[in-house]
Amino acid sequence: MYEIVRRHLGKVVAGAAMAVTGTAVAVAISLPGQAGANGAAGTGEPPASPERPARGRGRPGKRLPAGRGRCAGPGSAPPPAIVVPPPAEGAKGVGGDPLTDDELARAEALALAPPAASAQHDVTGGRGPQRLGTRLAEPLPGDATRRAEVRLYDYGRDELITKTVNLDTGKVEKSGTQRGVQPSAHPEELREALELILASPLGKGVKEDYRDATGKELTSSEQLWFNGDVYRTYREKNVPAQLARCGEHRCVRLVTKVLNGAWIDTRNLIVDLSARTVTRVG
């Protein structure tokens, strides 16, 4: 059971089907475990992925000799947990192993090397393309060489750039561009989207709801947990004219939350990162 606070629309909405019209909505909701924010701003630790798998954390408790297990009596403290550190990671993986941190850094550095990067722009308008992600490339038949596929986005031309880097030779073997292809958003893009919302007139409702939920002023994106992904127009019933170029442009939708507190519904605010505009939908 949870409570939804809707202070700036004059009505209450129930359950998970929160309305997305009007200003942002502060939602007081308790989520178990890791479902909400854990006291850190931003998207937090990324989930396990083929590029960066979750690391093992060992088993709690002590190992007792056979036949000597026992149950803790009333008031007994549980035995201390034993945390086993993850095994040391080498500089290079083998075969189909996920890319190591060293391989990820090397692949991205090679893909971003000038002069190609000098005429491109990232999500903030800075020099060089925006990083989206890096993964192990499919091996060529009969070739055990490890290669990395690096995805970048050039906001200057609204192009997805994909580069294949040979991790043995250090050369970019293949490079291609596509338009109208929008992979999932990078945390840096989501951060910029939140900054644009807070700087826009439509961010006023978000700040009001934050004040209602906490009694404090929202002055920085660091005060919010956030996540989100690309806004895909083909999934929407009604797309405003201002968002008609989403898909060609890079557009995102966010979900936000007071750190360790209420949800603030920003799903009706779509950010066109290419045009740097914020539009209300619904």
Foldseek 3Di string as FASTA:
>chain_A
DWAWAAPPPPDGDDDPPDDQDDAKTWTWDDDPDPPDFDQFAFQPDDAADQQHGDFDFDFFDDDDPPPPDDDADPPGDGDGTDTDDGDDDDLADFFSHHGDPNLQVLQVCLVFPDDVQQVFADLVRDTGWAWFDKTWDDDDVPDRFTKMWTWTAGLVQLKIKIWIAGSVVSHTPDIDIDFLDFDWGDRVNVQLQVVLLCPDPSVPSVQVNVCVWPVDGDDHSRQKHKDWTWDDCVVDDDDDPVCPCRSRFTKMAMWMQGRVGITIGRRQWMARSSVSDIDGDD
